Amino acid sequence: MEIRRAKLRDAYSIENIFSSTVRKINRKDYNQKQIEVWASFAESNCWKTIISSQKVWVAEIKNELVGFCSLTANGVFNFLYVHHNYQRQGIASALQEVLESEAVDENYHTVYAKVSITARPFFQRKGYKVKKIEHHEIKGVFFSRAIMEKELF
């Protein structure tokens, strides 16, 4: 597996990873309407903007993108998605380690993440603490997520 910075040409693959992960992995924790609304984010065609404005890394196996994560300019761990066919193979951990290493290099003492119900156990295993549970509405559909943080040094 290789982890590298995302390029604009990766936008389509990132969109597919996002959409398929939400539809196939997150459906165990969310209802169909929530999944439809969440997955519709991928249809907004904003991935090139995200790649240009955030630090985005991709995990690649045999020239296939299998995961991605991003760090915003203000130290937020914004995305962490692994293709549904590549779950539980250490890809999320590898991406998380690269992101946190970059955060340390950028002198962020703390990394924050807004975490789905599905991802919360992963982040807790990696040392993130729940600061609060947030309820928000998107397109008339309500979601719960954990605001988590991790002290890096």
C-alpha atoms as a PDB file:
ATOM      1  CA  MET A   1       0.000   0.000   0.000  1.00  0.00           C
ATOM      2  CA  GLU A   2       1.167   3.482  -0.857  1.00  0.00           C
ATOM      3  CA  ILE A   3      -0.129   6.655   0.764  1.00  0.00           C
ATOM      4  CA  ARG A   4       0.335   9.854  -1.181  1.00  0.00           C
ATOM      5  CA  ARG A   5      -1.154  13.317  -1.496  1.00  0.00           C
ATOM      6  CA  ALA A   6      -4.263  13.391  -3.637  1.00  0.00           C
ATOM      7  CA  LYS A   7      -4.203  14.920  -7.090  1.00  0.00           C
ATOM      8  CA  LEU A   8      -7.128  16.524  -8.894  1.00  0.00           C
ATOM      9  CA  ARG A   9      -7.342  13.477 -11.164  1.00  0.00           C
ATOM     10  CA  ASP A  10      -8.214  11.402  -8.042  1.00  0.00           C
ATOM     11  CA  ALA A  11     -11.514  13.254  -7.511  1.00  0.00           C
ATOM     12  CA  TYR A  12     -13.685  10.689  -9.291  1.00  0.00           C
ATOM     13  CA  SER A  13     -12.165   7.762  -7.349  1.00  0.00           C
ATOM     14  CA  ILE A  14     -12.526   9.656  -4.071  1.00  0.00           C
ATOM     15  CA  GLU A  15     -16.164  10.356  -4.878  1.00  0.00           C
ATOM     16  CA  ASN A  16     -16.755   6.652  -5.554  1.00  0.00           C
ATOM     17  CA  ILE A  17     -15.058   5.583  -2.317  1.00  0.00           C
ATOM     18  CA  PHE A  18     -17.120   8.084  -0.351  1.00  0.00           C
ATOM     19  CA  SER A  19     -20.426   7.104  -1.916  1.00  0.00           C
ATOM     20  CA  SER A  20     -19.924   3.330  -1.781  1.00  0.00           C
ATOM     21  CA  THR A  21     -18.643   3.440   1.805  1.00  0.00           C
ATOM     22  CA  VAL A  22     -21.625   5.456   2.992  1.00  0.00           C
ATOM     23  CA  ARG A  23     -24.067   3.178   1.147  1.00  0.00           C
ATOM     24  CA  LYS A  24     -22.482  -0.139   2.175  1.00  0.00           C
ATOM     25  CA  ILE A  25     -20.760   0.418   5.526  1.00  0.00           C
ATOM     26  CA  ASN A  26     -22.682   3.220   7.237  1.00  0.00           C
ATOM     27  CA  ARG A  27     -26.083   1.693   6.488  1.00  0.00           C
ATOM     28  CA  LYS A  28     -25.732  -0.474   9.602  1.00  0.00           C
ATOM     29  CA  ASP A  29     -25.951   2.664  11.766  1.00  0.00           C
ATOM     30  CA  TYR A  30     -28.203   4.947   9.708  1.00  0.00           C
ATOM     31  CA  ASN A  31     -31.616   4.650   8.085  1.00  0.00           C
ATOM     32  CA  GLN A  32     -32.198   4.735   4.326  1.00  0.00           C
ATOM     33  CA  LYS A  33     -33.182   8.409   4.210  1.00  0.00           C
ATOM     34  CA  GLN A  34     -30.049   9.399   6.147  1.00  0.00           C
ATOM     35  CA  ILE A  35     -27.894   7.323   3.781  1.00  0.00           C
ATOM     36  CA  GLU A  36     -29.490   8.930   0.713  1.00  0.00           C
ATOM     37  CA  VAL A  37     -28.884  12.444   2.034  1.00  0.00           C
ATOM     38  CA  TRP A  38     -25.339  11.660   3.205  1.00  0.00           C
ATOM     39  CA  ALA A  39     -24.355   9.941  -0.040  1.00  0.00           C
ATOM     40  CA  SER A  40     -25.778  12.843  -2.060  1.00  0.00           C
ATOM     41  CA  PHE A  41     -22.788  14.897  -0.905  1.00  0.00           C
ATOM     42  CA  ALA A  42     -20.726  12.924  -3.407  1.00  0.00           C
ATOM     43  CA  GLU A  43     -23.046  14.079  -6.168  1.00  0.00           C
ATOM     44  CA  SER A  44     -22.239  17.718  -5.476  1.00  0.00           C
ATOM     45  CA  ASN A  45     -19.006  17.372  -7.470  1.00  0.00           C
ATOM     46  CA  CYS A  46     -17.013  19.314  -4.888  1.00  0.00           C
ATOM     47  CA  TRP A  47     -14.137  16.856  -4.499  1.00  0.00           C
ATOM     48  CA  LYS A  48     -11.756  18.875  -6.679  1.00  0.00           C
ATOM     49  CA  THR A  49     -12.376  21.874  -4.443  1.00  0.00           C
ATOM     50  CA  ILE A  50     -11.686  19.753  -1.356  1.00  0.00           C
ATOM     51  CA  ILE A  51      -8.469  18.403  -2.890  1.00  0.00           C
ATOM     52  CA  SER A  52      -7.395  21.975  -3.686  1.00  0.00           C
ATOM     53  CA  SER A  53      -8.305  23.503  -0.332  1.00  0.00           C
ATOM     54  CA  GLN A  54      -7.419  20.750   2.168  1.00  0.00           C
ATOM     55  CA  LYS A  55      -4.518  18.388   2.612  1.00  0.00           C
ATOM     56  CA  VAL A  56      -5.929  15.155   1.204  1.00  0.00           C
ATOM     57  CA  TRP A  57      -4.130  11.826   1.222  1.00  0.00           C
ATOM     58  CA  VAL A  58      -5.119   8.690  -0.652  1.00  0.00           C
ATOM     59  CA  ALA A  59      -4.243   5.071  -0.020  1.00  0.00           C
ATOM     60  CA  GLU A  60      -3.474   3.099  -3.131  1.00  0.00           C
ATOM     61  CA  ILE A  61      -3.083  -0.644  -3.654  1.00  0.00           C
ATOM     62  CA  LYS A  62      -1.973  -1.862  -7.077  1.00  0.00           C
ATOM     63  CA  ASN A  63      -2.902   1.476  -8.692  1.00  0.00           C
ATOM     64  CA  GLU A  64      -6.404   1.418  -7.162  1.00  0.00           C
ATOM     65  CA  LEU A  65      -7.480   4.079  -4.689  1.00  0.00           C
ATOM     66  CA  VAL A  66      -8.869   2.321  -1.609  1.00  0.00           C
ATOM     67  CA  GLY A  67      -9.151   5.116   0.957  1.00  0.00           C
ATOM     68  CA  PHE A  68      -8.663   8.791   1.671  1.00  0.00           C
ATOM     69  CA  CYS A  69      -8.503  11.317   4.496  1.00  0.00           C
ATOM     70  CA  SER A  70      -8.116  15.065   4.801  1.00  0.00           C
ATOM     71  CA  LEU A  71      -6.868  17.729   7.166  1.00  0.00           C
ATOM     72  CA  THR A  72      -8.278  21.252   6.968  1.00  0.00           C
ATOM     73  CA  ALA A  73      -6.251  24.429   7.328  1.00  0.00           C
ATOM     74  CA  ASN A  74      -7.468  24.797  10.921  1.00  0.00           C
ATOM     75  CA  GLY A  75      -6.560  21.307  12.104  1.00  0.00           C
ATOM     76  CA  VAL A  76      -9.802  19.394  11.547  1.00  0.00           C
ATOM     77  CA  PHE A  77      -9.598  15.722  10.586  1.00  0.00           C
ATOM     78  CA  ASN A  78     -12.315  16.187   7.995  1.00  0.00           C
ATOM     79  CA  PHE A  79     -12.691  12.926   6.046  1.00  0.00           C
ATOM     80  CA  LEU A  80     -11.640   9.321   6.600  1.00  0.00           C
ATOM     81  CA  TYR A  81     -13.166   6.752   4.276  1.00  0.00           C
ATOM     82  CA  VAL A  82     -11.993   3.313   3.199  1.00  0.00           C
ATOM     83  CA  HIS A  83     -13.541   1.433   0.293  1.00  0.00           C
ATOM     84  CA  HIS A  84     -16.048  -1.153   1.488  1.00  0.00           C
ATOM     85  CA  ASN A  85     -13.993  -3.999  -0.069  1.00  0.00           C
ATOM     86  CA  TYR A  86     -10.874  -2.986   1.891  1.00  0.00           C
ATOM     87  CA  GLN A  87     -12.182  -2.591   5.432  1.00  0.00           C
ATOM     88  CA  ARG A  88     -10.159  -3.885   8.417  1.00  0.00           C
ATOM     89  CA  GLN A  89      -6.850  -4.065   6.559  1.00  0.00           C
ATOM     90  CA  GLY A  90      -5.047  -1.233   8.357  1.00  0.00           C
ATOM     91  CA  ILE A  91      -5.777   1.369   5.687  1.00  0.00           C
ATOM     92  CA  ALA A  92      -7.674   3.765   7.967  1.00  0.00           C
ATOM     93  CA  SER A  93      -4.926   3.474  10.587  1.00  0.00           C
ATOM     94  CA  ALA A  94      -2.224   4.220   8.029  1.00  0.00           C
ATOM     95  CA  LEU A  95      -4.109   7.269   6.753  1.00  0.00           C
ATOM     96  CA  GLN A  96      -4.761   8.478  10.295  1.00  0.00           C
ATOM     97  CA  GLU A  97      -1.061   8.194  11.170  1.00  0.00           C
ATOM     98  CA  VAL A  98      -0.012  10.205   8.095  1.00  0.00           C
ATOM     99  CA  LEU A  99      -2.577  12.898   8.868  1.00  0.00           C
ATOM    100  CA  GLU A 100      -1.545  13.173  12.523  1.00  0.00           C
ATOM    101  CA  SER A 101       2.131  13.309  11.567  1.00  0.00           C
ATOM    102  CA  GLU A 102       1.350  16.226   9.263  1.00  0.00           C
ATOM    103  CA  ALA A 103      -0.684  17.894  12.021  1.00  0.00           C
ATOM    104  CA  VAL A 104       2.343  17.655  14.345  1.00  0.00           C
ATOM    105  CA  ASP A 105       4.561  19.102  11.595  1.00  0.00           C
ATOM    106  CA  GLU A 106       2.066  21.983  11.306  1.00  0.00           C
ATOM    107  CA  ASN A 107       2.296  22.511  15.114  1.00  0.00           C
ATOM    108  CA  TYR A 108      -1.304  21.551  15.826  1.00  0.00           C
ATOM    109  CA  HIS A 109      -1.405  20.449  19.447  1.00  0.00           C
ATOM    110  CA  THR A 110      -4.887  19.011  19.048  1.00  0.00           C
ATOM    111  CA  VAL A 111      -6.753  17.441  16.145  1.00  0.00           C
ATOM    112  CA  TYR A 112     -10.543  17.659  16.048  1.00  0.00           C
ATOM    113  CA  ALA A 113     -12.946  15.418  14.156  1.00  0.00           C
ATOM    114  CA  LYS A 114     -16.694  15.319  13.590  1.00  0.00           C
ATOM    115  CA  VAL A 115     -17.267  11.593  13.649  1.00  0.00           C
ATOM    116  CA  SER A 116     -20.135   9.403  12.512  1.00  0.00           C
ATOM    117  CA  ILE A 117     -21.672   6.728  14.709  1.00  0.00           C
ATOM    118  CA  THR A 118     -19.935   4.150  12.526  1.00  0.00           C
ATOM    119  CA  ALA A 119     -16.461   5.703  12.833  1.00  0.00           C
ATOM    120  CA  ARG A 120     -16.607   6.563  16.523  1.00  0.00           C
ATOM    121  CA  PRO A 121     -15.165   3.235  17.828  1.00  0.00           C
ATOM    122  CA  PHE A 122     -12.196   3.534  15.437  1.00  0.00           C
ATOM    123  CA  PHE A 123     -11.398   7.052  16.630  1.00  0.00           C
ATOM    124  CA  GLN A 124     -11.781   6.038  20.277  1.00  0.00           C
ATOM    125  CA  ARG A 125      -9.288   3.189  19.765  1.00  0.00           C
ATOM    126  CA  LYS A 126      -6.878   5.750  18.309  1.00  0.00           C
ATOM    127  CA  GLY A 127      -7.003   7.944  21.406  1.00  0.00           C
ATOM    128  CA  TYR A 128      -9.705  10.433  20.447  1.00  0.00           C
ATOM    129  CA  LYS A 129     -12.042  11.581  23.211  1.00  0.00           C
ATOM    130  CA  VAL A 130     -15.663  12.590  22.765  1.00  0.00           C
ATOM    131  CA  LYS A 131     -16.101  16.265  23.650  1.00  0.00           C
ATOM    132  CA  LYS A 132     -19.805  16.405  22.830  1.00  0.00           C
ATOM    133  CA  ILE A 133     -22.548  14.804  20.783  1.00  0.00           C
ATOM    134  CA  GLU A 134     -23.946  17.088  18.127  1.00  0.00           C
ATOM    135  CA  HIS A 135     -27.265  16.796  16.318  1.00  0.00           C
ATOM    136  CA  HIS A 136     -27.538  18.518  12.983  1.00  0.00           C
ATOM    137  CA  GLU A 137     -29.936  18.688  10.069  1.00  0.00           C
ATOM    138  CA  ILE A 138     -29.143  18.277   6.393  1.00  0.00           C
ATOM    139  CA  LYS A 139     -31.922  18.567   3.817  1.00  0.00           C
ATOM    140  CA  GLY A 140     -34.544  18.016   6.503  1.00  0.00           C
ATOM    141  CA  VAL A 141     -32.876  14.845   7.845  1.00  0.00           C
ATOM    142  CA  PHE A 142     -31.318  14.707  11.317  1.00  0.00           C
ATOM    143  CA  PHE A 143     -27.929  13.169  12.104  1.00  0.00           C
ATOM    144  CA  SER A 144     -25.954  12.626  15.291  1.00  0.00           C
ATOM    145  CA  ARG A 145     -22.193  12.811  15.377  1.00  0.00           C
ATOM    146  CA  ALA A 146     -19.494  13.010  17.977  1.00  0.00           C
ATOM    147  CA  ILE A 147     -17.159  15.967  18.189  1.00  0.00           C
ATOM    148  CA  MET A 148     -13.877  14.317  19.152  1.00  0.00           C
ATOM    149  CA  GLU A 149     -10.375  15.506  19.831  1.00  0.00           C
ATOM    150  CA  LYS A 150      -6.930  14.081  20.329  1.00  0.00           C
ATOM    151  CA  GLU A 151      -3.992  15.785  21.975  1.00  0.00           C
ATOM    152  CA  LEU A 152      -0.923  15.195  19.782  1.00  0.00           C
ATOM    153  CA  PHE A 153       1.770  16.583  22.110  1.00  0.00           C
END
